[in-house]
Amino acid sequence: MAMAKWRTEFRQWEKSPGNPVCEVDLEVDDLLHRRLSALVPDAGWLSEETVDNADRLSQSRLWVVDPIDGTRDYVRGRPGWAVSIALVEDGQPLIGVLDAPARGEIWRAELGKGATRNGAPIRTGDRIIFAGARVPTDSLPRVDSDLVAVDRPNSIALRIAMVAAGEADLVATLRWGYEWDIAAAVLIASEAGASVSDAFGQPLFFNTPSAQAFGVLATTPGIHAAAIDRLADRAKTLAVR
């Protein structure tokens, strides 16, 4: 559905300054809600494009969905977007899927069974030296000039998936972000052997009351501790609401 309407005419607007949405987001959300709820009727629902319902907190299983992660790329006709779906149980993702049709990619993971892209197993890289780590970004601040910028899709989920596939070594955000942005990608990266945490190095937990976590950090295992150290002061400052 999303691919059929990509690079066509559709309504778009901003939910808040710098936060775009389009009618396709809502249409895909409705389709997924109907189909996924039919698959697992007892599962709750958390999606960027559905008004949150606190009833989900009492349910052990939960669909966590971003109908189009990377809407900014979608509306601009760029390929860096994906449909992100995770099934969470007791706070942890069991199944994760990223469908990125504009890139010809389908990423999948199941807890304890590894991760794939287009059916082929993927594995994170083996970098152990922090300097020179590849980061999907448009630019690097001076303090991080020892890192290497690589291509950056707008979708944070796809950037995390790049770490899973060994195409990047480090993805980090230093802001309060929503669970639907990362739930599927976190499982894909973890199952590919990456180290994944919040910005402070703490485990991520899903289906929280706020549906938010402060940052996400996905790296090769060998540089995770160094990344936490590098970001520590910035994280402490920026985490204050």
Protein backbone atom coordinates (compact mmCIF):
# COMPACT_ATOMS: atom_id res chain seq x y z
CA MET A 1 0.00 0.00 0.00
CA ALA A 2 2.73 2.47 0.97
CA MET A 3 4.87 1.64 -2.04
CA ALA A 4 1.94 2.06 -4.45
CA LYS A 5 1.40 5.64 -3.26
CA TRP A 6 5.06 6.61 -2.88
CA ARG A 7 6.06 9.44 -5.24
CA THR A 8 2.41 10.20 -6.02
CA GLU A 9 0.11 12.98 -4.84
CA PHE A 10 -1.23 12.61 -1.28
CA ARG A 11 -2.14 14.87 1.60
CA GLN A 12 0.62 15.74 4.06
CA TRP A 13 0.86 18.04 7.06
CA GLU A 14 2.78 18.52 10.32
CA LYS A 15 1.51 17.11 13.61
CA SER A 16 3.94 19.53 15.27
CA PRO A 17 6.78 21.64 13.90
CA GLY A 18 9.26 19.36 12.16
CA ASN A 19 7.07 16.26 12.68
CA PRO A 20 5.53 15.38 9.29
CA VAL A 21 2.67 12.97 8.67
CA CYS A 22 0.72 12.05 5.56
CA GLU A 23 -2.51 10.29 4.72
CA VAL A 24 -0.58 7.16 3.78
CA ASP A 25 0.72 6.87 7.36
CA LEU A 26 -2.89 6.68 8.54
CA GLU A 27 -4.02 4.26 5.85
CA VAL A 28 -1.16 1.84 6.53
CA ASP A 29 -1.80 2.14 10.27
CA ASP A 30 -5.45 1.17 9.80
CA LEU A 31 -4.54 -1.79 7.58
CA LEU A 32 -1.95 -3.09 10.04
CA HIS A 33 -4.26 -2.63 13.03
CA ARG A 34 -6.94 -4.75 11.42
CA ARG A 35 -4.67 -7.49 10.13
CA LEU A 36 -2.35 -7.80 13.13
CA SER A 37 -5.20 -7.71 15.63
CA ALA A 38 -6.80 -10.58 13.74
CA LEU A 39 -3.55 -12.56 13.98
CA VAL A 40 -3.15 -12.09 17.74
CA PRO A 41 -6.52 -10.98 19.16
CA ASP A 42 -5.30 -10.75 22.76
CA ALA A 43 -2.42 -8.40 21.96
CA GLY A 44 -2.56 -4.70 22.78
CA TRP A 45 -1.73 -1.95 20.31
CA LEU A 46 0.81 0.87 20.33
CA SER A 47 1.36 2.88 17.17
CA GLU A 48 2.61 6.32 16.27
CA GLU A 49 -0.59 7.04 14.37
CA THR A 50 -3.16 5.68 16.87
CA VAL A 51 -4.26 7.50 20.02
CA ASP A 52 -2.66 5.64 22.92
CA ASN A 53 -4.86 3.57 25.20
CA ALA A 54 -3.64 2.77 28.72
CA ASP A 55 -5.39 -0.62 28.54
CA ARG A 56 -2.27 -1.89 26.76
CA LEU A 57 -0.35 -1.75 30.05
CA SER A 58 -2.39 -4.65 31.43
CA GLN A 59 -1.73 -6.86 28.41
CA SER A 60 1.28 -9.15 28.31
CA ARG A 61 1.52 -9.03 24.51
CA LEU A 62 1.55 -5.89 22.41
CA TRP A 63 1.95 -4.91 18.77
CA VAL A 64 4.34 -1.95 18.49
CA VAL A 65 4.04 -0.33 15.08
CA ASP A 66 5.32 2.62 13.09
CA PRO A 67 3.34 2.49 9.83
CA ILE A 68 5.98 4.58 8.05
CA ASP A 69 9.20 5.15 9.95
CA GLY A 70 11.06 7.87 8.10
CA THR A 71 8.02 9.83 6.90
CA ARG A 72 10.27 12.76 5.97
CA ASP A 73 12.02 10.61 3.35
CA TYR A 74 8.68 9.14 2.23
CA VAL A 75 7.08 12.51 1.47
CA ARG A 76 10.24 13.74 -0.26
CA GLY A 77 10.35 10.70 -2.54
CA ARG A 78 13.50 9.31 -0.97
CA PRO A 79 13.91 5.58 -0.21
CA GLY A 80 15.00 5.79 3.45
CA TRP A 81 11.68 4.71 5.01
CA ALA A 82 10.27 1.44 6.31
CA VAL A 83 7.18 -0.13 7.84
CA SER A 84 8.18 -1.23 11.35
CA ILE A 85 6.32 -3.98 13.24
CA ALA A 86 7.22 -5.71 16.50
CA LEU A 87 5.34 -8.14 18.70
CA VAL A 88 6.35 -7.53 22.32
CA GLU A 89 5.74 -9.91 25.21
CA ASP A 90 6.41 -8.99 28.85
CA GLY A 91 8.40 -5.95 27.78
CA GLN A 92 10.67 -7.61 25.21
CA PRO A 93 10.29 -7.96 21.42
CA LEU A 94 9.58 -11.49 20.21
CA ILE A 95 9.24 -10.75 16.50
CA GLY A 96 10.55 -7.81 14.49
CA VAL A 97 9.94 -6.91 10.85
CA LEU A 98 11.13 -3.92 8.82
CA ASP A 99 9.69 -3.74 5.33
CA ALA A 100 11.58 -1.22 3.19
CA PRO A 101 10.12 -1.75 -0.29
CA ALA A 102 11.72 1.34 -1.84
CA ARG A 103 15.08 -0.26 -0.99
CA GLY A 104 14.00 -3.80 -1.91
CA GLU A 105 14.60 -4.98 1.67
CA ILE A 106 12.68 -7.04 4.19
CA TRP A 107 14.39 -7.44 7.55
CA ARG A 108 13.13 -10.08 10.00
CA ALA A 109 14.07 -11.37 13.43
CA GLU A 110 12.62 -13.78 15.94
CA LEU A 111 13.88 -13.97 19.51
CA GLY A 112 16.58 -16.61 19.77
CA LYS A 113 16.50 -17.44 16.05
CA GLY A 114 18.71 -14.79 14.48
CA ALA A 115 18.02 -12.03 11.96
CA THR A 116 17.79 -11.92 8.17
CA ARG A 117 17.60 -9.47 5.29
CA ASN A 118 15.73 -10.79 2.27
CA GLY A 119 16.04 -14.25 3.78
CA ALA A 120 19.83 -14.20 4.16
CA PRO A 121 21.32 -14.27 7.68
CA ILE A 122 22.96 -11.03 8.80
CA ARG A 123 25.65 -10.41 11.38
CA THR A 124 26.97 -7.25 12.97
CA GLY A 125 30.58 -6.19 12.43
CA ASP A 126 33.58 -6.98 14.60
CA ARG A 127 35.00 -3.49 15.21
CA ILE A 128 36.72 -3.18 18.58
CA ILE A 129 38.36 0.25 18.16
CA PHE A 130 36.03 3.21 18.69
CA ALA A 131 37.95 5.68 16.52
CA GLY A 132 36.99 5.14 12.91
CA ALA A 133 33.58 3.65 13.72
CA ARG A 134 31.06 4.17 10.91
CA VAL A 135 27.98 6.22 11.86
CA PRO A 136 24.92 6.84 9.63
CA THR A 137 24.71 10.64 9.84
CA ASP A 138 24.64 13.75 7.68
CA SER A 139 27.45 15.35 9.72
CA LEU A 140 29.51 14.78 12.85
CA PRO A 141 30.14 17.29 15.64
CA ARG A 142 33.75 18.25 16.24
CA VAL A 143 33.90 16.16 19.41
CA ASP A 144 33.17 13.08 17.30
CA SER A 145 35.47 13.92 14.41
CA ASP A 146 37.32 10.63 14.92
CA LEU A 147 34.25 8.76 13.63
CA VAL A 148 33.30 8.18 9.98
CA ALA A 149 29.98 9.36 8.50
CA VAL A 150 28.16 6.97 6.17
CA ASP A 151 24.84 7.18 4.31
CA ARG A 152 21.90 8.06 6.57
CA PRO A 153 18.31 6.98 5.83
CA ASN A 154 15.70 9.07 7.64
CA SER A 155 14.31 5.95 9.33
CA ILE A 156 16.04 5.35 12.68
CA ALA A 157 14.97 1.72 12.40
CA LEU A 158 16.90 1.34 9.14
CA ARG A 159 19.95 3.01 10.67
CA ILE A 160 19.91 0.47 13.49
CA ALA A 161 19.47 -2.29 10.92
CA MET A 162 22.65 -1.07 9.23
CA VAL A 163 24.52 -1.96 12.43
CA ALA A 164 22.84 -5.37 12.36
CA ALA A 165 24.09 -5.97 8.82
CA GLY A 166 27.63 -4.75 9.43
CA GLU A 167 27.14 -1.63 7.27
CA ALA A 168 27.61 0.70 10.24
CA ASP A 169 29.28 0.29 13.62
CA LEU A 170 27.41 2.78 15.77
CA VAL A 171 23.97 4.40 15.97
CA ALA A 172 23.14 6.66 18.90
CA THR A 173 20.34 9.06 19.71
CA LEU A 174 20.35 11.46 22.64
CA ARG A 175 16.71 12.40 23.06
CA TRP A 176 13.49 11.01 24.42
CA GLY A 177 12.15 8.75 21.67
CA TYR A 178 9.15 6.51 21.23
CA GLU A 179 9.07 2.73 21.42
CA TRP A 180 7.48 2.37 17.98
CA ASP A 181 10.57 3.86 16.36
CA ILE A 182 12.92 1.17 17.62
CA ALA A 183 11.13 -1.97 18.85
CA ALA A 184 11.51 -4.05 15.69
CA ALA A 185 15.01 -2.78 14.87
CA VAL A 186 16.28 -3.43 18.40
CA LEU A 187 15.40 -7.12 18.06
CA ILE A 188 16.91 -7.33 14.58
CA ALA A 189 20.17 -5.80 15.81
CA SER A 190 20.30 -7.91 18.97
CA GLU A 191 19.65 -11.11 17.05
CA ALA A 192 22.42 -10.15 14.61
CA GLY A 193 24.86 -9.91 17.52
CA ALA A 194 24.90 -6.16 18.13
CA SER A 195 24.91 -4.61 21.59
CA VAL A 196 21.79 -2.50 22.14
CA SER A 197 20.79 -0.31 25.08
CA ASP A 198 19.44 3.11 25.96
CA ALA A 199 21.83 6.07 25.86
CA PHE A 200 23.07 5.26 29.37
CA GLY A 201 23.83 1.63 28.60
CA GLN A 202 20.73 0.31 30.39
CA PRO A 203 18.48 -2.39 28.91
CA LEU A 204 15.51 -1.24 26.88
CA PHE A 205 12.05 -2.23 28.08
CA PHE A 206 8.87 -1.90 26.03
CA ASN A 207 5.21 -1.23 26.89
CA THR A 208 6.06 1.41 29.47
CA PRO A 209 3.46 4.00 30.56
CA SER A 210 5.14 6.81 28.59
CA ALA A 211 6.06 4.53 25.65
CA GLN A 212 9.40 6.33 25.64
CA ALA A 213 13.07 5.74 26.42
CA PHE A 214 15.98 8.15 26.54
CA GLY A 215 17.99 7.38 23.47
CA VAL A 216 19.01 4.20 21.78
CA LEU A 217 22.57 2.95 21.36
CA ALA A 218 23.30 0.14 18.91
CA THR A 219 26.91 -0.84 18.28
CA THR A 220 29.26 -3.67 17.57
CA PRO A 221 29.89 -5.43 20.90
CA GLY A 222 33.53 -4.33 20.98
CA ILE A 223 32.82 -0.60 21.12
CA HIS A 224 29.64 -0.45 23.21
CA ALA A 225 31.38 0.48 26.48
CA ALA A 226 33.47 3.14 24.72
CA ALA A 227 30.33 4.59 23.13
CA ILE A 228 28.62 4.84 26.53
CA ASP A 229 31.67 6.64 27.91
CA ARG A 230 31.79 9.02 24.95
CA LEU A 231 28.12 9.95 25.32
CA ALA A 232 27.82 9.97 29.12
CA ASP A 233 28.13 13.71 29.80
CA ARG A 234 25.89 14.66 26.91
CA ALA A 235 23.28 12.09 27.92
CA LYS A 236 23.16 13.35 31.50
CA THR A 237 22.61 16.91 30.33
CA LEU A 238 20.03 16.15 27.66
CA ALA A 239 17.98 13.58 29.59
CA VAL A 240 16.58 16.20 31.96
CA ARG A 241 13.00 16.90 30.92
